[in-house]
Amino acid sequence: MANKPSAGTTTTTEVRELLQTAAQKLGAREEKALRMLQGVTVGPHEPLPRRGQDNPDARAELLALEIELVAKEKARAEAERPKAAAAKAQPSRGKDKIVRALRRLK
């Protein structure tokens, strides 16, 4: 006999469907509370909600911060790239010693 869900049990897919339809009627905080209560997360391809979109000053400040952080991350990545290439180019003394010893054994 297969286990049948009781009338009071809902599956995760049913909860997701209900949340999608109810999201149009609920506020953002209410929707978030329901998602947290049911353990349903936002999908991986859904965009994150942006704050300050209704305030032009906040939107401009957040955009400036985002641009600054992206520039810093690019600079950090560029600074780390030569270090990684230099580390690969110079073999270690210990490794060379082991390789020479193994070649002598042949």
PDB file of N, CA and C in Angstrom:
ATOM      1  N   MET A   1       0.838  -1.167   0.000  1.00  0.00           N
ATOM      2  CA  MET A   1       0.000   0.000   0.000  1.00  0.00           C
ATOM      3  C   MET A   1       0.893   1.244   0.000  1.00  0.00           C
ATOM      4  N   ALA A   2       0.650   2.147  -0.898  1.00  0.00           N
ATOM      5  CA  ALA A   2       1.458   3.357  -0.998  1.00  0.00           C
ATOM      6  C   ALA A   2       1.011   4.381   0.042  1.00  0.00           C
ATOM      7  N   ASN A   3       1.972   5.124   0.512  1.00  0.00           N
ATOM      8  CA  ASN A   3       1.637   6.179   1.469  1.00  0.00           C
ATOM      9  C   ASN A   3       0.993   7.343   0.740  1.00  0.00           C
ATOM     10  N   LYS A   4      -0.185   7.698   1.166  1.00  0.00           N
ATOM     11  CA  LYS A   4      -0.885   8.822   0.555  1.00  0.00           C
ATOM     12  C   LYS A   4      -0.786  10.013   1.496  1.00  0.00           C
ATOM     13  N   PRO A   5      -0.540  11.204   0.934  1.00  0.00           N
ATOM     14  CA  PRO A   5      -0.518  12.365   1.809  1.00  0.00           C
ATOM     15  C   PRO A   5      -1.907  12.638   2.359  1.00  0.00           C
ATOM     16  N   SER A   6      -1.952  13.055   3.602  1.00  0.00           N
ATOM     17  CA  SER A   6      -3.250  13.352   4.200  1.00  0.00           C
ATOM     18  C   SER A   6      -3.791  14.652   3.618  1.00  0.00           C
ATOM     19  N   ALA A   7      -5.010  14.950   3.925  1.00  0.00           N
ATOM     20  CA  ALA A   7      -5.651  16.148   3.372  1.00  0.00           C
ATOM     21  C   ALA A   7      -4.966  17.420   3.866  1.00  0.00           C
ATOM     22  N   GLY A   8      -4.330  17.363   5.038  1.00  0.00           N
ATOM     23  CA  GLY A   8      -3.696  18.544   5.607  1.00  0.00           C
ATOM     24  C   GLY A   8      -2.239  18.711   5.212  1.00  0.00           C
ATOM     25  N   THR A   9      -1.676  17.767   4.463  1.00  0.00           N
ATOM     26  CA  THR A   9      -0.268  17.822   4.080  1.00  0.00           C
ATOM     27  C   THR A   9      -0.129  18.456   2.707  1.00  0.00           C
ATOM     28  N   THR A  10       0.799  19.394   2.604  1.00  0.00           N
ATOM     29  CA  THR A  10       1.086  20.005   1.307  1.00  0.00           C
ATOM     30  C   THR A  10       2.528  19.729   0.952  1.00  0.00           C
ATOM     31  N   THR A  11       2.786  19.573  -0.322  1.00  0.00           N
ATOM     32  CA  THR A  11       4.154  19.322  -0.774  1.00  0.00           C
ATOM     33  C   THR A  11       4.843  20.649  -1.062  1.00  0.00           C
ATOM     34  N   THR A  12       6.144  20.571  -1.244  1.00  0.00           N
ATOM     35  CA  THR A  12       6.930  21.780  -1.516  1.00  0.00           C
ATOM     36  C   THR A  12       6.510  22.425  -2.831  1.00  0.00           C
ATOM     37  N   THR A  13       6.225  21.611  -3.832  1.00  0.00           N
ATOM     38  CA  THR A  13       5.805  22.182  -5.113  1.00  0.00           C
ATOM     39  C   THR A  13       4.466  22.893  -4.990  1.00  0.00           C
ATOM     40  N   GLU A  14       3.559  22.341  -4.200  1.00  0.00           N
ATOM     41  CA  GLU A  14       2.269  23.005  -3.998  1.00  0.00           C
ATOM     42  C   GLU A  14       2.459  24.339  -3.283  1.00  0.00           C
ATOM     43  N   VAL A  15       3.361  24.358  -2.291  1.00  0.00           N
ATOM     44  CA  VAL A  15       3.622  25.597  -1.562  1.00  0.00           C
ATOM     45  C   VAL A  15       4.222  26.637  -2.496  1.00  0.00           C
ATOM     46  N   ARG A  16       5.150  26.205  -3.356  1.00  0.00           N
ATOM     47  CA  ARG A  16       5.754  27.150  -4.316  1.00  0.00           C
ATOM     48  C   ARG A  16       4.701  27.736  -5.252  1.00  0.00           C
ATOM     49  N   GLU A  17       3.819  26.886  -5.741  1.00  0.00           N
ATOM     50  CA  GLU A  17       2.764  27.356  -6.635  1.00  0.00           C
ATOM     51  C   GLU A  17       1.845  28.345  -5.929  1.00  0.00           C
ATOM     52  N   LEU A  18       1.499  28.015  -4.699  1.00  0.00           N
ATOM     53  CA  LEU A  18       0.633  28.914  -3.934  1.00  0.00           C
ATOM     54  C   LEU A  18       1.327  30.252  -3.656  1.00  0.00           C
ATOM     55  N   LEU A  19       2.615  30.195  -3.348  1.00  0.00           N
ATOM     56  CA  LEU A  19       3.351  31.435  -3.088  1.00  0.00           C
ATOM     57  C   LEU A  19       3.457  32.292  -4.336  1.00  0.00           C
ATOM     58  N   GLN A  20       3.626  31.658  -5.492  1.00  0.00           N
ATOM     59  CA  GLN A  20       3.701  32.427  -6.728  1.00  0.00           C
ATOM     60  C   GLN A  20       2.397  33.160  -7.011  1.00  0.00           C
ATOM     61  N   THR A  21       1.276  32.497  -6.766  1.00  0.00           N
ATOM     62  CA  THR A  21      -0.003  33.157  -7.008  1.00  0.00           C
ATOM     63  C   THR A  21      -0.310  34.177  -5.917  1.00  0.00           C
ATOM     64  N   ALA A  22       0.100  33.867  -4.680  1.00  0.00           N
ATOM     65  CA  ALA A  22      -0.184  34.781  -3.575  1.00  0.00           C
ATOM     66  C   ALA A  22       0.764  35.970  -3.546  1.00  0.00           C
ATOM     67  N   ALA A  23       1.891  35.869  -4.227  1.00  0.00           N
ATOM     68  CA  ALA A  23       2.875  36.954  -4.199  1.00  0.00           C
ATOM     69  C   ALA A  23       2.305  38.239  -4.778  1.00  0.00           C
ATOM     70  N   GLN A  24       1.352  38.117  -5.646  1.00  0.00           N
ATOM     71  CA  GLN A  24       0.744  39.304  -6.231  1.00  0.00           C
ATOM     72  C   GLN A  24      -0.146  40.027  -5.223  1.00  0.00           C
ATOM     73  N   LYS A  25      -0.662  39.299  -4.254  1.00  0.00           N
ATOM     74  CA  LYS A  25      -1.556  39.889  -3.268  1.00  0.00           C
ATOM     75  C   LYS A  25      -0.852  40.251  -1.970  1.00  0.00           C
ATOM     76  N   LEU A  26       0.251  39.550  -1.655  1.00  0.00           N
ATOM     77  CA  LEU A  26       0.965  39.769  -0.401  1.00  0.00           C
ATOM     78  C   LEU A  26       2.041  40.838  -0.548  1.00  0.00           C
ATOM     79  N   GLY A  27       2.416  41.409   0.574  1.00  0.00           N
ATOM     80  CA  GLY A  27       3.538  42.321   0.585  1.00  0.00           C
ATOM     81  C   GLY A  27       4.846  41.537   0.592  1.00  0.00           C
ATOM     82  N   ALA A  28       5.951  42.232   0.399  1.00  0.00           N
ATOM     83  CA  ALA A  28       7.247  41.562   0.328  1.00  0.00           C
ATOM     84  C   ALA A  28       7.600  40.882   1.649  1.00  0.00           C
ATOM     85  N   ARG A  29       7.325  41.556   2.762  1.00  0.00           N
ATOM     86  CA  ARG A  29       7.665  40.976   4.067  1.00  0.00           C
ATOM     87  C   ARG A  29       6.804  39.752   4.369  1.00  0.00           C
ATOM     88  N   GLU A  30       5.527  39.823   4.000  1.00  0.00           N
ATOM     89  CA  GLU A  30       4.633  38.695   4.246  1.00  0.00           C
ATOM     90  C   GLU A  30       5.047  37.487   3.409  1.00  0.00           C
ATOM     91  N   GLU A  31       5.397  37.758   2.147  1.00  0.00           N
ATOM     92  CA  GLU A  31       5.838  36.676   1.278  1.00  0.00           C
ATOM     93  C   GLU A  31       7.125  36.041   1.820  1.00  0.00           C
ATOM     94  N   LYS A  32       8.062  36.876   2.260  1.00  0.00           N
ATOM     95  CA  LYS A  32       9.321  36.370   2.812  1.00  0.00           C
ATOM     96  C   LYS A  32       9.066  35.524   4.056  1.00  0.00           C
ATOM     97  N   ALA A  33       8.163  35.988   4.921  1.00  0.00           N
ATOM     98  CA  ALA A  33       7.846  35.239   6.137  1.00  0.00           C
ATOM     99  C   ALA A  33       7.249  33.877   5.792  1.00  0.00           C
ATOM    100  N   LEU A  34       6.359  33.828   4.809  1.00  0.00           N
ATOM    101  CA  LEU A  34       5.775  32.551   4.396  1.00  0.00           C
ATOM    102  C   LEU A  34       6.824  31.624   3.798  1.00  0.00           C
ATOM    103  N   ARG A  35       7.716  32.190   2.984  1.00  0.00           N
ATOM    104  CA  ARG A  35       8.775  31.367   2.394  1.00  0.00           C
ATOM    105  C   ARG A  35       9.669  30.773   3.474  1.00  0.00           C
ATOM    106  N   MET A  36      10.033  31.596   4.469  1.00  0.00           N
ATOM    107  CA  MET A  36      10.898  31.124   5.542  1.00  0.00           C
ATOM    108  C   MET A  36      10.166  30.070   6.385  1.00  0.00           C
ATOM    109  N   LEU A  37       8.897  30.296   6.627  1.00  0.00           N
ATOM    110  CA  LEU A  37       8.110  29.365   7.436  1.00  0.00           C
ATOM    111  C   LEU A  37       8.000  28.003   6.767  1.00  0.00           C
ATOM    112  N   GLN A  38       7.806  28.003   5.459  1.00  0.00           N
ATOM    113  CA  GLN A  38       7.638  26.754   4.722  1.00  0.00           C
ATOM    114  C   GLN A  38       8.958  26.167   4.231  1.00  0.00           C
ATOM    115  N   GLY A  39      10.059  26.922   4.363  1.00  0.00           N
ATOM    116  CA  GLY A  39      11.359  26.427   3.915  1.00  0.00           C
ATOM    117  C   GLY A  39      11.533  26.471   2.417  1.00  0.00           C
ATOM    118  N   VAL A  40      10.805  27.349   1.753  1.00  0.00           N
ATOM    119  CA  VAL A  40      10.901  27.486   0.313  1.00  0.00           C
ATOM    120  C   VAL A  40      11.800  28.675   0.017  1.00  0.00           C
ATOM    121  N   THR A  41      12.845  28.429  -0.761  1.00  0.00           N
ATOM    122  CA  THR A  41      13.772  29.506  -1.088  1.00  0.00           C
ATOM    123  C   THR A  41      13.435  30.093  -2.446  1.00  0.00           C
ATOM    124  N   VAL A  42      14.041  31.209  -2.714  1.00  0.00           N
ATOM    125  CA  VAL A  42      13.888  31.838  -4.020  1.00  0.00           C
ATOM    126  C   VAL A  42      14.685  31.011  -5.008  1.00  0.00           C
ATOM    127  N   GLY A  43      14.192  30.874  -6.216  1.00  0.00           N
ATOM    128  CA  GLY A  43      14.874  30.094  -7.240  1.00  0.00           C
ATOM    129  C   GLY A  43      16.236  30.674  -7.584  1.00  0.00           C
ATOM    130  N   PRO A  44      17.151  29.845  -8.067  1.00  0.00           N
ATOM    131  CA  PRO A  44      18.508  30.327  -8.347  1.00  0.00           C
ATOM    132  C   PRO A  44      18.584  31.315  -9.508  1.00  0.00           C
ATOM    133  N   HIS A  45      17.584  31.330 -10.366  1.00  0.00           N
ATOM    134  CA  HIS A  45      17.624  32.226 -11.522  1.00  0.00           C
ATOM    135  C   HIS A  45      16.760  33.472 -11.347  1.00  0.00           C
ATOM    136  N   GLU A  46      16.146  33.609 -10.186  1.00  0.00           N
ATOM    137  CA  GLU A  46      15.327  34.793  -9.939  1.00  0.00           C
ATOM    138  C   GLU A  46      16.212  35.932  -9.466  1.00  0.00           C
ATOM    139  N   PRO A  47      15.958  37.146  -9.932  1.00  0.00           N
ATOM    140  CA  PRO A  47      16.790  38.275  -9.490  1.00  0.00           C
ATOM    141  C   PRO A  47      16.515  38.620  -8.035  1.00  0.00           C
ATOM    142  N   LEU A  48      17.557  39.099  -7.368  1.00  0.00           N
ATOM    143  CA  LEU A  48      17.401  39.527  -5.990  1.00  0.00           C
ATOM    144  C   LEU A  48      16.662  40.856  -5.945  1.00  0.00           C
ATOM    145  N   PRO A  49      15.870  41.083  -4.918  1.00  0.00           N
ATOM    146  CA  PRO A  49      15.170  42.368  -4.838  1.00  0.00           C
ATOM    147  C   PRO A  49      16.171  43.499  -4.576  1.00  0.00           C
ATOM    148  N   ARG A  50      15.954  44.627  -5.210  1.00  0.00           N
ATOM    149  CA  ARG A  50      16.838  45.776  -5.044  1.00  0.00           C
ATOM    150  C   ARG A  50      16.179  46.786  -4.123  1.00  0.00           C
ATOM    151  N   ARG A  51      16.981  47.331  -3.259  1.00  0.00           N
ATOM    152  CA  ARG A  51      16.480  48.335  -2.332  1.00  0.00           C
ATOM    153  C   ARG A  51      16.698  49.724  -2.912  1.00  0.00           C
ATOM    154  N   GLY A  52      15.884  50.671  -2.490  1.00  0.00           N
ATOM    155  CA  GLY A  52      16.068  52.064  -2.867  1.00  0.00           C
ATOM    156  C   GLY A  52      15.675  52.397  -4.285  1.00  0.00           C
ATOM    157  N   GLN A  53      14.951  51.532  -4.966  1.00  0.00           N
ATOM    158  CA  GLN A  53      14.585  51.812  -6.346  1.00  0.00           C
ATOM    159  C   GLN A  53      13.544  52.919  -6.458  1.00  0.00           C
ATOM    160  N   ASP A  54      12.802  53.164  -5.389  1.00  0.00           N
ATOM    161  CA  ASP A  54      11.805  54.228  -5.434  1.00  0.00           C
ATOM    162  C   ASP A  54      12.390  55.573  -5.016  1.00  0.00           C
ATOM    163  N   ASN A  55      13.617  55.585  -4.483  1.00  0.00           N
ATOM    164  CA  ASN A  55      14.277  56.817  -4.055  1.00  0.00           C
ATOM    165  C   ASN A  55      15.448  57.081  -4.989  1.00  0.00           C
ATOM    166  N   PRO A  56      15.416  58.172  -5.780  1.00  0.00           N
ATOM    167  CA  PRO A  56      16.488  58.413  -6.754  1.00  0.00           C
ATOM    168  C   PRO A  56      17.852  58.652  -6.100  1.00  0.00           C
ATOM    169  N   ASP A  57      17.873  59.284  -4.926  1.00  0.00           N
ATOM    170  CA  ASP A  57      19.153  59.520  -4.251  1.00  0.00           C
ATOM    171  C   ASP A  57      19.774  58.204  -3.795  1.00  0.00           C
ATOM    172  N   ALA A  58      18.972  57.358  -3.192  1.00  0.00           N
ATOM    173  CA  ALA A  58      19.468  56.061  -2.737  1.00  0.00           C
ATOM    174  C   ALA A  58      19.896  55.200  -3.921  1.00  0.00           C
ATOM    175  N   ARG A  59      19.129  55.254  -5.018  1.00  0.00           N
ATOM    176  CA  ARG A  59      19.463  54.482  -6.205  1.00  0.00           C
ATOM    177  C   ARG A  59      20.818  54.910  -6.760  1.00  0.00           C
ATOM    178  N   ALA A  60      21.067  56.221  -6.828  1.00  0.00           N
ATOM    179  CA  ALA A  60      22.339  56.731  -7.341  1.00  0.00           C
ATOM    180  C   ALA A  60      23.499  56.334  -6.423  1.00  0.00           C
ATOM    181  N   GLU A  61      23.283  56.418  -5.117  1.00  0.00           N
ATOM    182  CA  GLU A  61      24.338  56.059  -4.166  1.00  0.00           C
ATOM    183  C   GLU A  61      24.655  54.562  -4.231  1.00  0.00           C
ATOM    184  N   LEU A  62      23.613  53.726  -4.318  1.00  0.00           N
ATOM    185  CA  LEU A  62      23.838  52.288  -4.420  1.00  0.00           C
ATOM    186  C   LEU A  62      24.535  51.923  -5.729  1.00  0.00           C
ATOM    187  N   LEU A  63      24.190  52.592  -6.811  1.00  0.00           N
ATOM    188  CA  LEU A  63      24.848  52.346  -8.087  1.00  0.00           C
ATOM    189  C   LEU A  63      26.322  52.719  -8.013  1.00  0.00           C
ATOM    190  N   ALA A  64      26.631  53.859  -7.377  1.00  0.00           N
ATOM    191  CA  ALA A  64      28.025  54.281  -7.223  1.00  0.00           C
ATOM    192  C   ALA A  64      28.807  53.274  -6.390  1.00  0.00           C
ATOM    193  N   LEU A  65      28.208  52.772  -5.321  1.00  0.00           N
ATOM    194  CA  LEU A  65      28.872  51.763  -4.496  1.00  0.00           C
ATOM    195  C   LEU A  65      29.116  50.477  -5.285  1.00  0.00           C
ATOM    196  N   GLU A  66      28.131  50.070  -6.070  1.00  0.00           N
ATOM    197  CA  GLU A  66      28.271  48.852  -6.862  1.00  0.00           C
ATOM    198  C   GLU A  66      29.400  48.995  -7.882  1.00  0.00           C
ATOM    199  N   ILE A  67      29.471  50.146  -8.546  1.00  0.00           N
ATOM    200  CA  ILE A  67      30.533  50.393  -9.529  1.00  0.00           C
ATOM    201  C   ILE A  67      31.894  50.376  -8.849  1.00  0.00           C
ATOM    202  N   GLU A  68      31.988  51.004  -7.687  1.00  0.00           N
ATOM    203  CA  GLU A  68      33.252  51.047  -6.948  1.00  0.00           C
ATOM    204  C   GLU A  68      33.696  49.641  -6.533  1.00  0.00           C
ATOM    205  N   LEU A  69      32.758  48.830  -6.038  1.00  0.00           N
ATOM    206  CA  LEU A  69      33.095  47.480  -5.613  1.00  0.00           C
ATOM    207  C   LEU A  69      33.513  46.590  -6.785  1.00  0.00           C
ATOM    208  N   VAL A  70      32.866  46.753  -7.923  1.00  0.00           N
ATOM    209  CA  VAL A  70      33.236  45.969  -9.098  1.00  0.00           C
ATOM    210  C   VAL A  70      34.639  46.351  -9.556  1.00  0.00           C
ATOM    211  N   ALA A  71      34.947  47.650  -9.529  1.00  0.00           N
ATOM    212  CA  ALA A  71      36.285  48.101  -9.928  1.00  0.00           C
ATOM    213  C   ALA A  71      37.348  47.552  -8.975  1.00  0.00           C
ATOM    214  N   LYS A  72      37.067  47.560  -7.677  1.00  0.00           N
ATOM    215  CA  LYS A  72      38.023  47.022  -6.704  1.00  0.00           C
ATOM    216  C   LYS A  72      38.229  45.526  -6.913  1.00  0.00           C
ATOM    217  N   GLU A  73      37.160  44.801  -7.190  1.00  0.00           N
ATOM    218  CA  GLU A  73      37.279  43.361  -7.407  1.00  0.00           C
ATOM    219  C   GLU A  73      38.097  43.062  -8.656  1.00  0.00           C
ATOM    220  N   LYS A  74      37.903  43.841  -9.723  1.00  0.00           N
ATOM    221  CA  LYS A  74      38.702  43.655 -10.937  1.00  0.00           C
ATOM    222  C   LYS A  74      40.170  43.942 -10.670  1.00  0.00           C
ATOM    223  N   ALA A  75      40.454  45.004  -9.906  1.00  0.00           N
ATOM    224  CA  ALA A  75      41.838  45.342  -9.574  1.00  0.00           C
ATOM    225  C   ALA A  75      42.477  44.237  -8.745  1.00  0.00           C
ATOM    226  N   ARG A  76      41.733  43.674  -7.802  1.00  0.00           N
ATOM    227  CA  ARG A  76      42.254  42.593  -6.976  1.00  0.00           C
ATOM    228  C   ARG A  76      42.546  41.355  -7.822  1.00  0.00           C
ATOM    229  N   ALA A  77      41.666  41.055  -8.761  1.00  0.00           N
ATOM    230  CA  ALA A  77      41.874  39.898  -9.627  1.00  0.00           C
ATOM    231  C   ALA A  77      43.097  40.105 -10.518  1.00  0.00           C
ATOM    232  N   GLU A  78      43.280  41.310 -11.021  1.00  0.00           N
ATOM    233  CA  GLU A  78      44.448  41.609 -11.860  1.00  0.00           C
ATOM    234  C   GLU A  78      45.732  41.526 -11.053  1.00  0.00           C
ATOM    235  N   ALA A  79      45.698  41.950  -9.800  1.00  0.00           N
ATOM    236  CA  ALA A  79      46.890  41.912  -8.950  1.00  0.00           C
ATOM    237  C   ALA A  79      47.271  40.475  -8.609  1.00  0.00           C
ATOM    238  N   GLU A  80      46.288  39.600  -8.452  1.00  0.00           N
ATOM    239  CA  GLU A  80      46.561  38.214  -8.098  1.00  0.00           C
ATOM    240  C   GLU A  80      46.999  37.382  -9.295  1.00  0.00           C
ATOM    241  N   ARG A  81      46.647  37.767 -10.485  1.00  0.00           N
ATOM    242  CA  ARG A  81      46.971  36.986 -11.671  1.00  0.00           C
ATOM    243  C   ARG A  81      48.476  36.842 -11.887  1.00  0.00           C
ATOM    244  N   PRO A  82      49.296  37.903 -11.824  1.00  0.00           N
ATOM    245  CA  PRO A  82      50.746  37.721 -12.016  1.00  0.00           C
ATOM    246  C   PRO A  82      51.382  36.868 -10.917  1.00  0.00           C
ATOM    247  N   LYS A  83      50.885  36.980  -9.690  1.00  0.00           N
ATOM    248  CA  LYS A  83      51.429  36.174  -8.599  1.00  0.00           C
ATOM    249  C   LYS A  83      51.216  34.691  -8.874  1.00  0.00           C
ATOM    250  N   ALA A  84      50.047  34.342  -9.362  1.00  0.00           N
ATOM    251  CA  ALA A  84      49.750  32.938  -9.641  1.00  0.00           C
ATOM    252  C   ALA A  84      50.614  32.429 -10.790  1.00  0.00           C
ATOM    253  N   ALA A  85      50.819  33.249 -11.813  1.00  0.00           N
ATOM    254  CA  ALA A  85      51.648  32.843 -12.943  1.00  0.00           C
ATOM    255  C   ALA A  85      53.101  32.691 -12.518  1.00  0.00           C
ATOM    256  N   ALA A  86      53.590  33.587 -11.662  1.00  0.00           N
ATOM    257  CA  ALA A  86      54.970  33.514 -11.192  1.00  0.00           C
ATOM    258  C   ALA A  86      55.174  32.279 -10.316  1.00  0.00           C
ATOM    259  N   ALA A  87      54.189  31.938  -9.519  1.00  0.00           N
ATOM    260  CA  ALA A  87      54.299  30.770  -8.663  1.00  0.00           C
ATOM    261  C   ALA A  87      54.360  29.491  -9.496  1.00  0.00           C
ATOM    262  N   LYS A  88      53.642  29.460 -10.607  1.00  0.00           N
ATOM    263  CA  LYS A  88      53.668  28.286 -11.464  1.00  0.00           C
ATOM    264  C   LYS A  88      54.978  28.194 -12.234  1.00  0.00           C
ATOM    265  N   ALA A  89      55.571  29.321 -12.570  1.00  0.00           N
ATOM    266  CA  ALA A  89      56.781  29.338 -13.388  1.00  0.00           C
ATOM    267  C   ALA A  89      58.006  28.876 -12.607  1.00  0.00           C
ATOM    268  N   GLN A  90      58.060  29.097 -11.310  1.00  0.00           N
ATOM    269  CA  GLN A  90      59.224  28.752 -10.503  1.00  0.00           C
ATOM    270  C   GLN A  90      58.960  27.447  -9.744  1.00  0.00           C
ATOM    271  N   PRO A  91      59.612  26.357 -10.174  1.00  0.00           N
ATOM    272  CA  PRO A  91      59.438  25.112  -9.433  1.00  0.00           C
ATOM    273  C   PRO A  91      60.175  25.172  -8.096  1.00  0.00           C
ATOM    274  N   SER A  92      59.709  24.424  -7.166  1.00  0.00           N
ATOM    275  CA  SER A  92      60.317  24.439  -5.840  1.00  0.00           C
ATOM    276  C   SER A  92      61.601  23.608  -5.820  1.00  0.00           C
ATOM    277  N   ARG A  93      62.484  23.913  -4.880  1.00  0.00           N
ATOM    278  CA  ARG A  93      63.745  23.171  -4.744  1.00  0.00           C
ATOM    279  C   ARG A  93      63.486  21.728  -4.344  1.00  0.00           C
ATOM    280  N   GLY A  94      62.540  21.554  -3.441  1.00  0.00           N
ATOM    281  CA  GLY A  94      62.235  20.202  -2.988  1.00  0.00           C
ATOM    282  C   GLY A  94      61.731  19.323  -4.115  1.00  0.00           C
ATOM    283  N   LYS A  95      60.887  19.899  -4.963  1.00  0.00           N
ATOM    284  CA  LYS A  95      60.356  19.143  -6.086  1.00  0.00           C
ATOM    285  C   LYS A  95      61.465  18.779  -7.055  1.00  0.00           C
ATOM    286  N   ASP A  96      62.367  19.728  -7.328  1.00  0.00           N
ATOM    287  CA  ASP A  96      63.497  19.451  -8.220  1.00  0.00           C
ATOM    288  C   ASP A  96      64.387  18.348  -7.664  1.00  0.00           C
ATOM    289  N   LYS A  97      64.608  18.369  -6.364  1.00  0.00           N
ATOM    290  CA  LYS A  97      65.454  17.375  -5.720  1.00  0.00           C
ATOM    291  C   LYS A  97      64.839  15.981  -5.851  1.00  0.00           C
ATOM    292  N   ILE A  98      63.528  15.893  -5.673  1.00  0.00           N
ATOM    293  CA  ILE A  98      62.835  14.614  -5.791  1.00  0.00           C
ATOM    294  C   ILE A  98      62.887  14.105  -7.220  1.00  0.00           C
ATOM    295  N   VAL A  99      62.690  14.986  -8.181  1.00  0.00           N
ATOM    296  CA  VAL A  99      62.719  14.605  -9.591  1.00  0.00           C
ATOM    297  C   VAL A  99      64.102  14.098  -9.967  1.00  0.00           C
ATOM    298  N   ARG A 100      65.161  14.785  -9.529  1.00  0.00           N
ATOM    299  CA  ARG A 100      66.534  14.343  -9.839  1.00  0.00           C
ATOM    300  C   ARG A 100      66.818  12.980  -9.221  1.00  0.00           C
ATOM    301  N   ALA A 101      66.354  12.767  -7.997  1.00  0.00           N
ATOM    302  CA  ALA A 101      66.565  11.480  -7.345  1.00  0.00           C
ATOM    303  C   ALA A 101      65.832  10.367  -8.074  1.00  0.00           C
ATOM    304  N   LEU A 102      64.644  10.607  -8.538  1.00  0.00           N
ATOM    305  CA  LEU A 102      63.880   9.597  -9.266  1.00  0.00           C
ATOM    306  C   LEU A 102      64.524   9.286 -10.612  1.00  0.00           C
ATOM    307  N   ARG A 103      65.085  10.298 -11.250  1.00  0.00           N
ATOM    308  CA  ARG A 103      65.748  10.070 -12.539  1.00  0.00           C
ATOM    309  C   ARG A 103      66.995   9.222 -12.362  1.00  0.00           C
ATOM    310  N   ARG A 104      67.692   9.391 -11.229  1.00  0.00           N
ATOM    311  CA  ARG A 104      68.893   8.580 -10.971  1.00  0.00           C
ATOM    312  C   ARG A 104      68.537   7.113 -10.749  1.00  0.00           C
ATOM    313  N   LEU A 105      67.339   6.857 -10.231  1.00  0.00           N
ATOM    314  CA  LEU A 105      66.935   5.497  -9.962  1.00  0.00           C
ATOM    315  C   LEU A 105      66.675   4.696 -11.232  1.00  0.00           C
ATOM    316  N   LYS A 106      66.404   5.330 -12.333  1.00  0.00           N
ATOM    317  CA  LYS A 106      66.114   4.641 -13.583  1.00  0.00           C
ATOM    318  C   LYS A 106      67.322   3.971 -14.063  1.00  0.00           C
TER     319      LYS A 106
END
